[in-house]
Amino acid sequence: MAEFPLYATGLVMALFLVAIVAAVLRMRKWKDDPTPPRRGAVARTASSLAHSLDAWMVGFLVVTLALGFGAVLLAGGEFVAVDPGLLRSAVLGILGGLLVLFVFLGTYFSVRERGGASARGVALGLLLLGLLVLAVISGQLMGWI
């Protein structure tokens, strides 16, 4: 009987989440702007790196080597004496931050590439982050996470 409020709250939040997703999908009407946005030198450089196969290969190798060396150091245990709880918190924090950046920046740049304003990109990015938080809370209340 004590679990009923948790399930009811989780169900209400899940329904709220579905309603918001349905409303966003119904409202999305992308306006195509034939003029490309003006970009500064940093944005041009970042764009050229993002579209460069060599940059992606170097980035992949750097991340792979860093993760490999980190795994070897942690598995060996001789070089790094770190509390496992602290390490777990740090890894989860980094992965959570990357997920937040991926969701927000992906949405923002998607809106900007379709000719939307910066404010619309920020609003949709924050909306998706809010939906992600609601989904996590609903999953925790329902016992799925």
N, C-alpha and C. Protein backbone atom coordinates (compact mmCIF):
# COMPACT_ATOMS: atom_id res chain seq x y z
N MET A 1 0.81 -1.19 0.00
CA MET A 1 0.00 0.00 0.00
C MET A 1 0.85 1.26 0.00
N ALA A 2 2.04 1.18 0.61
CA ALA A 2 2.90 2.35 0.69
C ALA A 2 3.52 2.68 -0.67
N GLU A 3 3.55 1.71 -1.58
CA GLU A 3 4.13 1.95 -2.89
C GLU A 3 3.15 2.64 -3.83
N PHE A 4 1.87 2.66 -3.53
CA PHE A 4 0.87 3.24 -4.43
C PHE A 4 1.14 4.71 -4.72
N PRO A 5 1.46 5.55 -3.72
CA PRO A 5 1.74 6.96 -4.06
C PRO A 5 2.94 7.13 -4.99
N LEU A 6 3.95 6.28 -4.83
CA LEU A 6 5.10 6.36 -5.73
C LEU A 6 4.70 6.02 -7.16
N TYR A 7 3.93 4.95 -7.31
CA TYR A 7 3.50 4.56 -8.65
C TYR A 7 2.56 5.61 -9.26
N ALA A 8 1.68 6.15 -8.45
CA ALA A 8 0.75 7.16 -8.95
C ALA A 8 1.50 8.42 -9.38
N THR A 9 2.46 8.86 -8.59
CA THR A 9 3.24 10.04 -8.93
C THR A 9 4.07 9.79 -10.18
N GLY A 10 4.68 8.62 -10.26
CA GLY A 10 5.46 8.28 -11.45
C GLY A 10 4.61 8.23 -12.70
N LEU A 11 3.40 7.69 -12.58
CA LEU A 11 2.49 7.62 -13.72
C LEU A 11 2.05 9.01 -14.15
N VAL A 12 1.74 9.88 -13.20
CA VAL A 12 1.34 11.25 -13.54
C VAL A 12 2.48 11.98 -14.23
N MET A 13 3.70 11.82 -13.72
CA MET A 13 4.84 12.48 -14.36
C MET A 13 5.11 11.91 -15.75
N ALA A 14 4.96 10.60 -15.92
CA ALA A 14 5.15 10.01 -17.24
C ALA A 14 4.09 10.51 -18.22
N LEU A 15 2.85 10.64 -17.77
CA LEU A 15 1.80 11.18 -18.64
C LEU A 15 2.07 12.64 -18.98
N PHE A 16 2.56 13.39 -18.01
CA PHE A 16 2.93 14.78 -18.25
C PHE A 16 4.05 14.87 -19.28
N LEU A 17 5.01 13.98 -19.16
CA LEU A 17 6.11 13.93 -20.11
C LEU A 17 5.61 13.61 -21.52
N VAL A 18 4.72 12.65 -21.66
CA VAL A 18 4.16 12.30 -22.96
C VAL A 18 3.36 13.47 -23.53
N ALA A 19 2.60 14.18 -22.69
CA ALA A 19 1.83 15.33 -23.16
C ALA A 19 2.73 16.44 -23.67
N ILE A 20 3.84 16.69 -22.99
CA ILE A 20 4.76 17.74 -23.44
C ILE A 20 5.41 17.34 -24.76
N VAL A 21 5.83 16.09 -24.89
CA VAL A 21 6.43 15.63 -26.14
C VAL A 21 5.43 15.74 -27.28
N ALA A 22 4.19 15.35 -27.04
CA ALA A 22 3.16 15.46 -28.08
C ALA A 22 2.92 16.91 -28.47
N ALA A 23 2.90 17.82 -27.50
CA ALA A 23 2.68 19.23 -27.81
C ALA A 23 3.85 19.80 -28.62
N VAL A 24 5.06 19.43 -28.26
CA VAL A 24 6.23 19.92 -29.01
C VAL A 24 6.23 19.38 -30.42
N LEU A 25 5.91 18.11 -30.58
CA LEU A 25 5.87 17.54 -31.92
C LEU A 25 4.76 18.16 -32.77
N ARG A 26 3.69 18.53 -32.14
CA ARG A 26 2.58 19.14 -32.87
C ARG A 26 2.89 20.58 -33.27
N MET A 27 3.67 21.28 -32.45
CA MET A 27 3.96 22.69 -32.70
C MET A 27 5.15 22.92 -33.60
N ARG A 28 5.94 21.91 -33.87
CA ARG A 28 7.17 22.18 -34.62
C ARG A 28 6.88 22.44 -36.09
N LYS A 29 7.14 23.63 -36.45
CA LYS A 29 7.05 24.04 -37.85
C LYS A 29 8.34 24.80 -38.12
N TRP A 30 9.25 24.12 -38.76
CA TRP A 30 10.55 24.74 -39.00
C TRP A 30 10.43 25.75 -40.13
N LYS A 31 10.98 26.91 -39.89
CA LYS A 31 11.00 27.95 -40.90
C LYS A 31 12.35 27.89 -41.59
N ASP A 32 12.32 27.64 -42.89
CA ASP A 32 13.57 27.58 -43.64
C ASP A 32 13.98 28.98 -44.06
N ASP A 33 15.19 29.34 -43.69
CA ASP A 33 15.74 30.64 -44.04
C ASP A 33 16.79 30.41 -45.12
N PRO A 34 16.63 31.00 -46.31
CA PRO A 34 17.58 30.73 -47.38
C PRO A 34 18.96 31.34 -47.14
N THR A 35 19.06 32.33 -46.25
CA THR A 35 20.36 32.95 -46.01
C THR A 35 21.05 32.24 -44.85
N PRO A 36 22.28 31.80 -45.07
CA PRO A 36 22.99 31.14 -43.96
C PRO A 36 23.38 32.15 -42.91
N PRO A 37 23.45 31.72 -41.64
CA PRO A 37 23.82 32.65 -40.58
C PRO A 37 25.29 33.06 -40.71
N ARG A 38 25.58 34.31 -40.31
CA ARG A 38 26.96 34.79 -40.32
C ARG A 38 27.71 34.18 -39.14
N ARG A 39 28.94 33.82 -39.40
CA ARG A 39 29.72 33.17 -38.36
C ARG A 39 31.05 33.88 -38.17
N GLY A 40 31.53 33.83 -36.94
CA GLY A 40 32.83 34.41 -36.63
C GLY A 40 33.95 33.44 -36.95
N ALA A 41 35.18 33.85 -36.68
CA ALA A 41 36.34 33.03 -37.00
C ALA A 41 36.36 31.73 -36.17
N VAL A 42 35.99 31.83 -34.91
CA VAL A 42 35.98 30.63 -34.05
C VAL A 42 34.91 29.65 -34.53
N ALA A 43 33.74 30.17 -34.88
CA ALA A 43 32.66 29.30 -35.35
C ALA A 43 33.03 28.64 -36.68
N ARG A 44 33.70 29.38 -37.56
CA ARG A 44 34.14 28.80 -38.84
C ARG A 44 35.16 27.70 -38.60
N THR A 45 36.10 27.95 -37.69
CA THR A 45 37.12 26.94 -37.39
C THR A 45 36.49 25.71 -36.76
N ALA A 46 35.58 25.91 -35.81
CA ALA A 46 34.90 24.77 -35.18
C ALA A 46 34.08 24.00 -36.20
N SER A 47 33.42 24.71 -37.10
CA SER A 47 32.63 24.05 -38.13
C SER A 47 33.50 23.24 -39.07
N SER A 48 34.65 23.81 -39.46
CA SER A 48 35.54 23.07 -40.36
C SER A 48 36.12 21.84 -39.66
N LEU A 49 36.42 21.95 -38.36
CA LEU A 49 36.90 20.79 -37.62
C LEU A 49 35.82 19.73 -37.46
N ALA A 50 34.58 20.18 -37.26
CA ALA A 50 33.48 19.23 -37.08
C ALA A 50 33.21 18.45 -38.36
N HIS A 51 33.52 19.05 -39.50
CA HIS A 51 33.29 18.38 -40.78
C HIS A 51 34.55 17.71 -41.34
N SER A 52 35.63 17.71 -40.55
CA SER A 52 36.89 17.12 -41.00
C SER A 52 37.02 15.70 -40.49
N LEU A 53 37.25 14.77 -41.39
CA LEU A 53 37.41 13.38 -41.01
C LEU A 53 38.68 13.17 -40.17
N ASP A 54 39.73 13.91 -40.50
CA ASP A 54 40.98 13.79 -39.74
C ASP A 54 40.79 14.22 -38.28
N ALA A 55 40.04 15.28 -38.06
CA ALA A 55 39.80 15.74 -36.68
C ALA A 55 39.01 14.70 -35.90
N TRP A 56 38.03 14.07 -36.53
CA TRP A 56 37.26 13.03 -35.85
C TRP A 56 38.14 11.82 -35.52
N MET A 57 39.04 11.46 -36.44
CA MET A 57 39.92 10.31 -36.18
C MET A 57 40.88 10.62 -35.03
N VAL A 58 41.47 11.81 -35.02
CA VAL A 58 42.39 12.18 -33.94
C VAL A 58 41.63 12.25 -32.61
N GLY A 59 40.44 12.82 -32.61
CA GLY A 59 39.64 12.88 -31.39
C GLY A 59 39.30 11.50 -30.86
N PHE A 60 38.93 10.59 -31.77
CA PHE A 60 38.61 9.22 -31.37
C PHE A 60 39.83 8.54 -30.77
N LEU A 61 41.00 8.71 -31.40
CA LEU A 61 42.21 8.08 -30.88
C LEU A 61 42.59 8.64 -29.52
N VAL A 62 42.44 9.94 -29.33
CA VAL A 62 42.78 10.56 -28.04
C VAL A 62 41.85 10.04 -26.95
N VAL A 63 40.55 9.99 -27.23
CA VAL A 63 39.60 9.49 -26.23
C VAL A 63 39.85 8.01 -25.94
N THR A 64 40.10 7.21 -26.97
CA THR A 64 40.35 5.79 -26.77
C THR A 64 41.61 5.55 -25.95
N LEU A 65 42.69 6.27 -26.27
CA LEU A 65 43.92 6.10 -25.50
C LEU A 65 43.75 6.56 -24.06
N ALA A 66 43.05 7.67 -23.85
CA ALA A 66 42.84 8.17 -22.49
C ALA A 66 42.03 7.16 -21.68
N LEU A 67 40.97 6.62 -22.27
CA LEU A 67 40.17 5.62 -21.55
C LEU A 67 40.97 4.34 -21.30
N GLY A 68 41.77 3.93 -22.26
CA GLY A 68 42.59 2.72 -22.09
C GLY A 68 43.62 2.89 -20.99
N PHE A 69 44.34 4.02 -21.00
CA PHE A 69 45.32 4.26 -19.95
C PHE A 69 44.65 4.41 -18.59
N GLY A 70 43.50 5.06 -18.55
CA GLY A 70 42.77 5.19 -17.29
C GLY A 70 42.34 3.84 -16.74
N ALA A 71 41.87 2.96 -17.64
CA ALA A 71 41.46 1.62 -17.20
C ALA A 71 42.64 0.82 -16.68
N VAL A 72 43.78 0.93 -17.36
CA VAL A 72 44.97 0.21 -16.90
C VAL A 72 45.42 0.72 -15.54
N LEU A 73 45.43 2.04 -15.36
CA LEU A 73 45.84 2.59 -14.07
C LEU A 73 44.89 2.19 -12.95
N LEU A 74 43.59 2.22 -13.23
CA LEU A 74 42.63 1.85 -12.20
C LEU A 74 42.65 0.36 -11.90
N ALA A 75 42.84 -0.47 -12.92
CA ALA A 75 42.86 -1.91 -12.71
C ALA A 75 44.12 -2.33 -11.96
N GLY A 76 45.23 -1.63 -12.23
CA GLY A 76 46.48 -1.96 -11.56
C GLY A 76 46.43 -1.63 -10.08
N GLY A 77 45.84 -0.51 -9.76
CA GLY A 77 45.68 -0.12 -8.37
C GLY A 77 46.94 0.36 -7.69
N GLU A 78 48.09 0.23 -8.33
CA GLU A 78 49.34 0.63 -7.71
C GLU A 78 49.58 2.12 -7.82
N PHE A 79 49.15 2.69 -8.95
CA PHE A 79 49.44 4.09 -9.22
C PHE A 79 48.39 5.03 -8.65
N VAL A 80 47.17 4.56 -8.61
CA VAL A 80 46.08 5.44 -8.20
C VAL A 80 45.38 4.82 -7.00
N ALA A 81 45.39 5.55 -5.90
CA ALA A 81 44.68 5.09 -4.70
C ALA A 81 43.50 6.05 -4.50
N VAL A 82 42.39 5.72 -5.13
CA VAL A 82 41.21 6.58 -5.10
C VAL A 82 40.07 5.80 -4.48
N ASP A 83 39.28 6.49 -3.69
CA ASP A 83 38.09 5.90 -3.11
C ASP A 83 37.12 5.53 -4.23
N PRO A 84 36.63 4.28 -4.28
CA PRO A 84 35.73 3.88 -5.36
C PRO A 84 34.45 4.71 -5.43
N GLY A 85 33.94 5.14 -4.29
CA GLY A 85 32.73 5.98 -4.29
C GLY A 85 32.98 7.33 -4.93
N LEU A 86 34.15 7.90 -4.64
CA LEU A 86 34.52 9.18 -5.24
C LEU A 86 34.72 9.04 -6.74
N LEU A 87 35.37 7.95 -7.13
CA LEU A 87 35.59 7.71 -8.55
C LEU A 87 34.27 7.51 -9.29
N ARG A 88 33.37 6.77 -8.69
CA ARG A 88 32.06 6.54 -9.30
C ARG A 88 31.30 7.86 -9.46
N SER A 89 31.33 8.69 -8.44
CA SER A 89 30.66 9.98 -8.51
C SER A 89 31.27 10.87 -9.59
N ALA A 90 32.59 10.85 -9.69
CA ALA A 90 33.26 11.67 -10.70
C ALA A 90 32.90 11.20 -12.11
N VAL A 91 32.92 9.89 -12.34
CA VAL A 91 32.60 9.36 -13.66
C VAL A 91 31.14 9.64 -14.02
N LEU A 92 30.23 9.43 -13.06
CA LEU A 92 28.82 9.72 -13.34
C LEU A 92 28.59 11.20 -13.57
N GLY A 93 29.30 12.06 -12.86
CA GLY A 93 29.18 13.50 -13.08
C GLY A 93 29.66 13.91 -14.45
N ILE A 94 30.78 13.35 -14.88
CA ILE A 94 31.31 13.66 -16.20
C ILE A 94 30.36 13.15 -17.29
N LEU A 95 29.89 11.92 -17.15
CA LEU A 95 28.97 11.38 -18.16
C LEU A 95 27.65 12.15 -18.18
N GLY A 96 27.15 12.54 -17.00
CA GLY A 96 25.93 13.35 -16.95
C GLY A 96 26.13 14.70 -17.61
N GLY A 97 27.28 15.32 -17.37
CA GLY A 97 27.58 16.60 -18.00
C GLY A 97 27.67 16.48 -19.52
N LEU A 98 28.28 15.40 -19.98
CA LEU A 98 28.35 15.18 -21.43
C LEU A 98 26.96 14.96 -22.03
N LEU A 99 26.11 14.24 -21.32
CA LEU A 99 24.75 14.02 -21.81
C LEU A 99 23.98 15.34 -21.87
N VAL A 100 24.12 16.17 -20.85
CA VAL A 100 23.46 17.48 -20.85
C VAL A 100 23.96 18.33 -22.01
N LEU A 101 25.27 18.36 -22.20
CA LEU A 101 25.82 19.12 -23.32
C LEU A 101 25.33 18.58 -24.66
N PHE A 102 25.29 17.25 -24.79
CA PHE A 102 24.84 16.64 -26.04
C PHE A 102 23.39 17.01 -26.35
N VAL A 103 22.53 16.90 -25.36
CA VAL A 103 21.11 17.20 -25.57
C VAL A 103 20.92 18.69 -25.86
N PHE A 104 21.51 19.54 -25.03
CA PHE A 104 21.29 20.97 -25.19
C PHE A 104 21.92 21.50 -26.48
N LEU A 105 23.20 21.23 -26.68
CA LEU A 105 23.88 21.77 -27.86
C LEU A 105 23.36 21.16 -29.15
N GLY A 106 23.01 19.87 -29.12
CA GLY A 106 22.43 19.24 -30.31
C GLY A 106 21.13 19.90 -30.72
N THR A 107 20.29 20.17 -29.75
CA THR A 107 19.02 20.83 -30.03
C THR A 107 19.25 22.26 -30.49
N TYR A 108 20.13 22.97 -29.82
CA TYR A 108 20.40 24.37 -30.16
C TYR A 108 20.91 24.49 -31.60
N PHE A 109 21.92 23.70 -31.94
CA PHE A 109 22.49 23.80 -33.28
C PHE A 109 21.53 23.28 -34.34
N SER A 110 20.70 22.32 -33.99
CA SER A 110 19.68 21.85 -34.93
C SER A 110 18.69 22.95 -35.27
N VAL A 111 18.26 23.70 -34.27
CA VAL A 111 17.34 24.81 -34.50
C VAL A 111 18.02 25.91 -35.31
N ARG A 112 19.27 26.22 -34.96
CA ARG A 112 19.99 27.27 -35.67
C ARG A 112 20.24 26.90 -37.14
N GLU A 113 20.52 25.64 -37.42
CA GLU A 113 20.75 25.21 -38.80
C GLU A 113 19.48 25.26 -39.63
N ARG A 114 18.33 25.18 -38.99
CA ARG A 114 17.06 25.24 -39.71
C ARG A 114 16.53 26.67 -39.81
N GLY A 115 17.35 27.64 -39.45
CA GLY A 115 16.97 29.03 -39.60
C GLY A 115 16.25 29.63 -38.41
N GLY A 116 16.19 28.93 -37.30
CA GLY A 116 15.53 29.47 -36.11
C GLY A 116 16.43 30.46 -35.38
N ALA A 117 15.82 31.24 -34.53
CA ALA A 117 16.57 32.23 -33.75
C ALA A 117 17.29 31.55 -32.59
N SER A 118 18.26 32.26 -32.03
CA SER A 118 19.01 31.73 -30.89
C SER A 118 18.10 31.47 -29.70
N ALA A 119 17.16 32.38 -29.47
CA ALA A 119 16.25 32.22 -28.34
C ALA A 119 15.41 30.95 -28.49
N ARG A 120 14.99 30.65 -29.69
CA ARG A 120 14.21 29.43 -29.91
C ARG A 120 15.08 28.19 -29.65
N GLY A 121 16.34 28.25 -30.06
CA GLY A 121 17.24 27.13 -29.81
C GLY A 121 17.48 26.91 -28.33
N VAL A 122 17.68 28.00 -27.60
CA VAL A 122 17.89 27.89 -26.16
C VAL A 122 16.63 27.36 -25.49
N ALA A 123 15.47 27.86 -25.90
CA ALA A 123 14.21 27.42 -25.30
C ALA A 123 13.98 25.93 -25.53
N LEU A 124 14.17 25.46 -26.76
CA LEU A 124 13.97 24.05 -27.03
C LEU A 124 15.02 23.18 -26.34
N GLY A 125 16.26 23.69 -26.25
CA GLY A 125 17.29 22.94 -25.54
C GLY A 125 16.96 22.78 -24.07
N LEU A 126 16.51 23.86 -23.45
CA LEU A 126 16.12 23.78 -22.04
C LEU A 126 14.88 22.92 -21.85
N LEU A 127 13.95 22.98 -22.79
CA LEU A 127 12.76 22.15 -22.71
C LEU A 127 13.14 20.67 -22.76
N LEU A 128 14.06 20.31 -23.65
CA LEU A 128 14.47 18.91 -23.72
C LEU A 128 15.24 18.48 -22.48
N LEU A 129 16.04 19.39 -21.91
CA LEU A 129 16.71 19.04 -20.66
C LEU A 129 15.69 18.82 -19.54
N GLY A 130 14.66 19.66 -19.50
CA GLY A 130 13.59 19.47 -18.53
C GLY A 130 12.88 18.15 -18.72
N LEU A 131 12.63 17.79 -19.99
CA LEU A 131 12.00 16.50 -20.27
C LEU A 131 12.89 15.34 -19.84
N LEU A 132 14.19 15.49 -20.03
CA LEU A 132 15.12 14.46 -19.61
C LEU A 132 15.08 14.29 -18.09
N VAL A 133 15.04 15.41 -17.37
CA VAL A 133 14.94 15.35 -15.90
C VAL A 133 13.63 14.69 -15.48
N LEU A 134 12.53 15.08 -16.14
CA LEU A 134 11.24 14.45 -15.82
C LEU A 134 11.25 12.95 -16.11
N ALA A 135 11.89 12.56 -17.19
CA ALA A 135 11.96 11.14 -17.52
C ALA A 135 12.76 10.38 -16.47
N VAL A 136 13.86 10.95 -16.01
CA VAL A 136 14.68 10.29 -14.98
C VAL A 136 13.90 10.19 -13.67
N ILE A 137 13.24 11.27 -13.28
CA ILE A 137 12.46 11.25 -12.03
C ILE A 137 11.32 10.24 -12.13
N SER A 138 10.63 10.21 -13.28
CA SER A 138 9.55 9.24 -13.45
C SER A 138 10.09 7.82 -13.38
N GLY A 139 11.23 7.58 -14.01
CA GLY A 139 11.83 6.24 -13.96
C GLY A 139 12.23 5.85 -12.56
N GLN A 140 12.74 6.81 -11.78
CA GLN A 140 13.11 6.51 -10.40
C GLN A 140 11.88 6.23 -9.54
N LEU A 141 10.82 6.99 -9.76
CA LEU A 141 9.61 6.76 -8.97
C LEU A 141 8.95 5.43 -9.31
N MET A 142 9.05 5.03 -10.57
CA MET A 142 8.45 3.77 -10.98
C MET A 142 9.36 2.57 -10.66
N GLY A 143 10.59 2.85 -10.25
CA GLY A 143 11.51 1.77 -9.91
C GLY A 143 12.26 1.22 -11.10
N TRP A 144 12.26 1.91 -12.23
CA TRP A 144 12.96 1.43 -13.42
C TRP A 144 14.43 1.81 -13.39
N ILE A 145 14.77 2.86 -12.65
CA ILE A 145 16.17 3.32 -12.62
C ILE A 145 16.71 3.10 -11.21
